[in-house]
Amino acid sequence: MYAIIDEDVPAAIDPYSGTVAEMASEKVAVNLAPVMDKIDRLEDIANDLFRSLDPMTAPLVSYPNREGIYLNLGRFTNFIYGFMAGLLIAIFIILALGVNL
């Protein structure tokens, strides 16, 4: 992307870098700024995913002072899994013993 300075003199300015250059009709200028913005966002997401391996960090889009949320969520998830496994084992034992309810 560029802005034409003067149509009589083929000169243009790149608004992102501030470079003034002569325009050439056979060359195509490509604006990579939106692509670079998406790449930067993708890098932030990848770094957040990598940081999530440490349970004492906070997610990228969380509220302030949420350090350690992964640790708390891991404990809660393990509690639920343990509770469900215990319930399943208790049901199997009750069914195996043939207890009538």
N, C-alpha and C. Protein backbone atom coordinates (compact mmCIF):
# COMPACT_ATOMS: atom_id res chain seq x y z
N MET A 1 0.85 -1.17 0.00
CA MET A 1 0.00 0.00 0.00
C MET A 1 0.89 1.23 0.00
N TYR A 2 0.50 2.19 -0.78
CA TYR A 2 1.27 3.42 -0.84
C TYR A 2 0.33 4.57 -1.13
N ALA A 3 0.78 5.77 -0.87
CA ALA A 3 0.02 6.97 -1.17
C ALA A 3 0.76 7.74 -2.25
N ILE A 4 0.02 8.13 -3.28
CA ILE A 4 0.63 8.86 -4.39
C ILE A 4 0.83 10.31 -3.95
N ILE A 5 2.07 10.79 -4.12
CA ILE A 5 2.39 12.16 -3.74
C ILE A 5 1.99 13.12 -4.86
N ASP A 6 2.43 12.80 -6.07
CA ASP A 6 2.14 13.64 -7.22
C ASP A 6 1.96 12.74 -8.43
N GLU A 7 0.87 12.97 -9.19
CA GLU A 7 0.62 12.13 -10.35
C GLU A 7 1.50 12.51 -11.53
N ASP A 8 1.90 13.78 -11.61
CA ASP A 8 2.76 14.21 -12.72
C ASP A 8 4.15 13.61 -12.58
N VAL A 9 4.68 13.67 -11.38
CA VAL A 9 5.97 13.04 -11.08
C VAL A 9 5.63 11.72 -10.40
N PRO A 10 6.01 10.58 -10.98
CA PRO A 10 5.60 9.30 -10.39
C PRO A 10 6.34 9.02 -9.08
N ALA A 11 5.84 9.61 -8.00
CA ALA A 11 6.44 9.41 -6.68
C ALA A 11 5.34 9.02 -5.70
N ALA A 12 5.70 8.14 -4.79
CA ALA A 12 4.73 7.66 -3.80
C ALA A 12 5.44 7.51 -2.46
N ILE A 13 4.64 7.47 -1.40
CA ILE A 13 5.18 7.28 -0.06
C ILE A 13 4.53 6.05 0.57
N ASP A 14 5.35 5.28 1.26
CA ASP A 14 4.85 4.14 2.01
C ASP A 14 4.50 4.64 3.41
N PRO A 15 3.22 4.62 3.81
CA PRO A 15 2.85 5.20 5.10
C PRO A 15 3.37 4.43 6.31
N TYR A 16 3.72 3.16 6.13
CA TYR A 16 4.20 2.36 7.27
C TYR A 16 5.67 2.60 7.56
N SER A 17 6.46 2.78 6.50
CA SER A 17 7.89 2.98 6.73
C SER A 17 8.32 4.42 6.52
N GLY A 18 7.48 5.23 5.84
CA GLY A 18 7.84 6.61 5.57
C GLY A 18 8.78 6.77 4.40
N THR A 19 8.95 5.73 3.61
CA THR A 19 9.87 5.76 2.48
C THR A 19 9.19 6.41 1.28
N VAL A 20 9.88 7.37 0.68
CA VAL A 20 9.42 7.99 -0.56
C VAL A 20 10.23 7.39 -1.69
N ALA A 21 9.53 6.93 -2.72
CA ALA A 21 10.22 6.28 -3.83
C ALA A 21 9.52 6.59 -5.14
N GLU A 22 10.23 6.32 -6.21
CA GLU A 22 9.65 6.50 -7.54
C GLU A 22 8.75 5.31 -7.85
N MET A 23 7.59 5.60 -8.41
CA MET A 23 6.65 4.53 -8.75
C MET A 23 7.05 3.91 -10.08
N ALA A 24 6.91 2.61 -10.15
CA ALA A 24 7.15 1.90 -11.40
C ALA A 24 5.88 1.12 -11.73
N SER A 25 5.39 1.29 -12.95
CA SER A 25 4.13 0.65 -13.31
C SER A 25 4.26 -0.86 -13.45
N GLU A 26 5.46 -1.37 -13.72
CA GLU A 26 5.64 -2.81 -13.90
C GLU A 26 5.84 -3.55 -12.58
N LYS A 27 6.02 -2.83 -11.49
CA LYS A 27 6.21 -3.46 -10.19
C LYS A 27 4.94 -3.36 -9.36
N VAL A 28 4.68 -4.42 -8.62
CA VAL A 28 3.49 -4.45 -7.77
C VAL A 28 3.94 -4.34 -6.31
N ALA A 29 3.32 -3.44 -5.59
CA ALA A 29 3.63 -3.28 -4.16
C ALA A 29 2.58 -4.04 -3.36
N VAL A 30 3.05 -4.84 -2.44
CA VAL A 30 2.16 -5.64 -1.61
C VAL A 30 2.25 -5.13 -0.18
N ASN A 31 1.10 -4.95 0.44
CA ASN A 31 1.05 -4.50 1.82
C ASN A 31 1.05 -5.72 2.73
N LEU A 32 2.12 -5.93 3.44
CA LEU A 32 2.23 -7.08 4.33
C LEU A 32 1.90 -6.74 5.79
N ALA A 33 1.51 -5.52 6.06
CA ALA A 33 1.22 -5.12 7.44
C ALA A 33 0.07 -5.93 8.05
N PRO A 34 -1.06 -6.15 7.35
CA PRO A 34 -2.11 -6.98 7.96
C PRO A 34 -1.66 -8.41 8.21
N VAL A 35 -0.85 -8.94 7.30
CA VAL A 35 -0.34 -10.30 7.48
C VAL A 35 0.58 -10.36 8.69
N MET A 36 1.43 -9.36 8.84
CA MET A 36 2.34 -9.33 9.98
C MET A 36 1.57 -9.20 11.30
N ASP A 37 0.47 -8.44 11.28
CA ASP A 37 -0.36 -8.33 12.49
C ASP A 37 -0.94 -9.68 12.87
N LYS A 38 -1.41 -10.44 11.88
CA LYS A 38 -1.96 -11.78 12.15
C LYS A 38 -0.87 -12.71 12.65
N ILE A 39 0.33 -12.61 12.09
CA ILE A 39 1.45 -13.46 12.53
C ILE A 39 1.83 -13.12 13.96
N ASP A 40 1.85 -11.83 14.30
CA ASP A 40 2.15 -11.43 15.68
C ASP A 40 1.11 -11.97 16.65
N ARG A 41 -0.16 -11.92 16.26
CA ARG A 41 -1.24 -12.45 17.11
C ARG A 41 -1.08 -13.96 17.28
N LEU A 42 -0.75 -14.66 16.19
CA LEU A 42 -0.54 -16.10 16.26
C LEU A 42 0.66 -16.45 17.14
N GLU A 43 1.70 -15.63 17.09
CA GLU A 43 2.87 -15.82 17.97
C GLU A 43 2.48 -15.66 19.43
N ASP A 44 1.66 -14.65 19.73
CA ASP A 44 1.20 -14.45 21.11
C ASP A 44 0.40 -15.66 21.60
N ILE A 45 -0.45 -16.19 20.74
CA ILE A 45 -1.26 -17.36 21.12
C ILE A 45 -0.37 -18.58 21.34
N ALA A 46 0.62 -18.77 20.46
CA ALA A 46 1.53 -19.91 20.62
C ALA A 46 2.35 -19.78 21.90
N ASN A 47 2.81 -18.58 22.21
CA ASN A 47 3.56 -18.36 23.45
C ASN A 47 2.67 -18.60 24.67
N ASP A 48 1.40 -18.19 24.59
CA ASP A 48 0.47 -18.43 25.69
C ASP A 48 0.25 -19.92 25.89
N LEU A 49 0.14 -20.67 24.80
CA LEU A 49 -0.02 -22.11 24.90
C LEU A 49 1.21 -22.75 25.53
N PHE A 50 2.40 -22.26 25.16
CA PHE A 50 3.64 -22.79 25.73
C PHE A 50 3.74 -22.44 27.21
N ARG A 51 3.34 -21.20 27.58
CA ARG A 51 3.39 -20.78 28.99
C ARG A 51 2.37 -21.53 29.83
N SER A 52 1.32 -22.07 29.22
CA SER A 52 0.30 -22.78 30.00
C SER A 52 0.83 -24.09 30.57
N LEU A 53 2.00 -24.53 30.13
CA LEU A 53 2.61 -25.72 30.71
C LEU A 53 3.10 -25.47 32.14
N ASP A 54 3.33 -24.21 32.47
CA ASP A 54 3.70 -23.84 33.84
C ASP A 54 2.41 -23.51 34.60
N PRO A 55 2.06 -24.27 35.63
CA PRO A 55 0.76 -24.05 36.29
C PRO A 55 0.67 -22.74 37.05
N MET A 56 1.76 -22.05 37.26
CA MET A 56 1.70 -20.80 38.03
C MET A 56 1.55 -19.57 37.15
N THR A 57 1.37 -19.73 35.83
CA THR A 57 1.17 -18.59 34.95
C THR A 57 -0.31 -18.31 34.78
N ALA A 58 -0.60 -17.18 34.16
CA ALA A 58 -1.99 -16.80 33.88
C ALA A 58 -2.22 -16.82 32.37
N PRO A 59 -3.43 -17.12 31.94
CA PRO A 59 -3.73 -17.10 30.51
C PRO A 59 -3.60 -15.69 29.93
N LEU A 60 -3.49 -15.62 28.61
CA LEU A 60 -3.28 -14.35 27.92
C LEU A 60 -4.46 -13.40 28.10
N VAL A 61 -5.67 -13.91 28.05
CA VAL A 61 -6.86 -13.05 28.09
C VAL A 61 -7.59 -13.15 29.43
N SER A 62 -6.84 -13.30 30.51
CA SER A 62 -7.48 -13.42 31.82
C SER A 62 -7.44 -12.08 32.55
N TYR A 63 -8.19 -12.02 33.62
CA TYR A 63 -8.19 -10.83 34.47
C TYR A 63 -6.86 -10.75 35.22
N PRO A 64 -6.51 -9.57 35.74
CA PRO A 64 -5.27 -9.44 36.50
C PRO A 64 -5.29 -10.30 37.77
N ASN A 65 -4.11 -10.64 38.25
CA ASN A 65 -3.90 -11.41 39.48
C ASN A 65 -4.53 -12.80 39.42
N ARG A 66 -4.45 -13.44 38.28
CA ARG A 66 -4.99 -14.80 38.12
C ARG A 66 -3.87 -15.83 38.00
N GLU A 67 -2.70 -15.52 38.51
CA GLU A 67 -1.59 -16.46 38.46
C GLU A 67 -1.96 -17.71 39.24
N GLY A 68 -1.64 -18.85 38.70
CA GLY A 68 -1.93 -20.11 39.36
C GLY A 68 -3.29 -20.68 39.02
N ILE A 69 -3.98 -20.09 38.05
CA ILE A 69 -5.32 -20.58 37.71
C ILE A 69 -5.25 -21.98 37.10
N TYR A 70 -4.17 -22.28 36.36
CA TYR A 70 -4.03 -23.62 35.79
C TYR A 70 -3.89 -24.66 36.89
N LEU A 71 -3.20 -24.31 37.96
CA LEU A 71 -3.02 -25.24 39.08
C LEU A 71 -4.37 -25.52 39.76
N ASN A 72 -5.15 -24.48 39.99
CA ASN A 72 -6.46 -24.66 40.62
C ASN A 72 -7.40 -25.46 39.72
N LEU A 73 -7.39 -25.15 38.43
CA LEU A 73 -8.26 -25.89 37.51
C LEU A 73 -7.83 -27.35 37.40
N GLY A 74 -6.54 -27.61 37.47
CA GLY A 74 -6.06 -28.98 37.43
C GLY A 74 -6.51 -29.76 38.66
N ARG A 75 -6.45 -29.14 39.81
CA ARG A 75 -6.92 -29.80 41.03
C ARG A 75 -8.42 -30.10 40.96
N PHE A 76 -9.19 -29.14 40.50
CA PHE A 76 -10.63 -29.32 40.40
C PHE A 76 -10.97 -30.43 39.40
N THR A 77 -10.29 -30.44 38.26
CA THR A 77 -10.53 -31.48 37.26
C THR A 77 -10.18 -32.85 37.81
N ASN A 78 -9.06 -32.97 38.49
CA ASN A 78 -8.68 -34.26 39.08
C ASN A 78 -9.67 -34.70 40.15
N PHE A 79 -10.20 -33.76 40.92
CA PHE A 79 -11.21 -34.10 41.92
C PHE A 79 -12.47 -34.67 41.25
N ILE A 80 -12.91 -34.03 40.18
CA ILE A 80 -14.11 -34.50 39.46
C ILE A 80 -13.86 -35.87 38.86
N TYR A 81 -12.69 -36.07 38.22
CA TYR A 81 -12.38 -37.38 37.64
C TYR A 81 -12.34 -38.46 38.73
N GLY A 82 -11.74 -38.16 39.87
CA GLY A 82 -11.68 -39.11 40.97
C GLY A 82 -13.06 -39.44 41.52
N PHE A 83 -13.89 -38.42 41.65
CA PHE A 83 -15.25 -38.63 42.13
C PHE A 83 -16.04 -39.52 41.18
N MET A 84 -15.93 -39.26 39.88
CA MET A 84 -16.64 -40.07 38.88
C MET A 84 -16.12 -41.50 38.87
N ALA A 85 -14.81 -41.69 38.97
CA ALA A 85 -14.25 -43.04 38.99
C ALA A 85 -14.70 -43.78 40.25
N GLY A 86 -14.72 -43.11 41.38
CA GLY A 86 -15.18 -43.73 42.63
C GLY A 86 -16.64 -44.12 42.55
N LEU A 87 -17.46 -43.27 41.97
CA LEU A 87 -18.87 -43.60 41.79
C LEU A 87 -19.05 -44.82 40.89
N LEU A 88 -18.31 -44.87 39.81
CA LEU A 88 -18.39 -46.01 38.89
C LEU A 88 -17.98 -47.30 39.58
N ILE A 89 -16.90 -47.26 40.33
CA ILE A 89 -16.43 -48.45 41.05
C ILE A 89 -17.46 -48.88 42.09
N ALA A 90 -18.04 -47.92 42.80
CA ALA A 90 -19.07 -48.25 43.80
C ALA A 90 -20.29 -48.89 43.14
N ILE A 91 -20.69 -48.39 41.99
CA ILE A 91 -21.84 -48.97 41.27
C ILE A 91 -21.52 -50.39 40.83
N PHE A 92 -20.32 -50.62 40.31
CA PHE A 92 -19.94 -51.97 39.89
C PHE A 92 -19.90 -52.94 41.08
N ILE A 93 -19.42 -52.48 42.22
CA ILE A 93 -19.39 -53.33 43.42
C ILE A 93 -20.81 -53.66 43.87
N ILE A 94 -21.68 -52.66 43.87
CA ILE A 94 -23.07 -52.89 44.27
C ILE A 94 -23.74 -53.88 43.31
N LEU A 95 -23.50 -53.72 42.02
CA LEU A 95 -24.09 -54.63 41.04
C LEU A 95 -23.50 -56.04 41.15
N ALA A 96 -22.21 -56.14 41.46
CA ALA A 96 -21.55 -57.44 41.57
C ALA A 96 -22.05 -58.19 42.81
N LEU A 97 -22.32 -57.48 43.88
CA LEU A 97 -22.80 -58.13 45.10
C LEU A 97 -24.29 -58.47 45.02
N GLY A 98 -24.96 -57.90 44.06
CA GLY A 98 -26.37 -58.19 43.88
C GLY A 98 -27.25 -57.57 44.93
N VAL A 99 -26.89 -56.41 45.41
CA VAL A 99 -27.68 -55.72 46.42
C VAL A 99 -28.93 -55.15 45.75
N ASN A 100 -30.09 -55.46 46.31
CA ASN A 100 -31.34 -54.91 45.79
C ASN A 100 -31.65 -53.60 46.50
N LEU A 101 -31.93 -52.61 45.71
CA LEU A 101 -32.25 -51.31 46.30
C LEU A 101 -33.73 -51.11 46.38
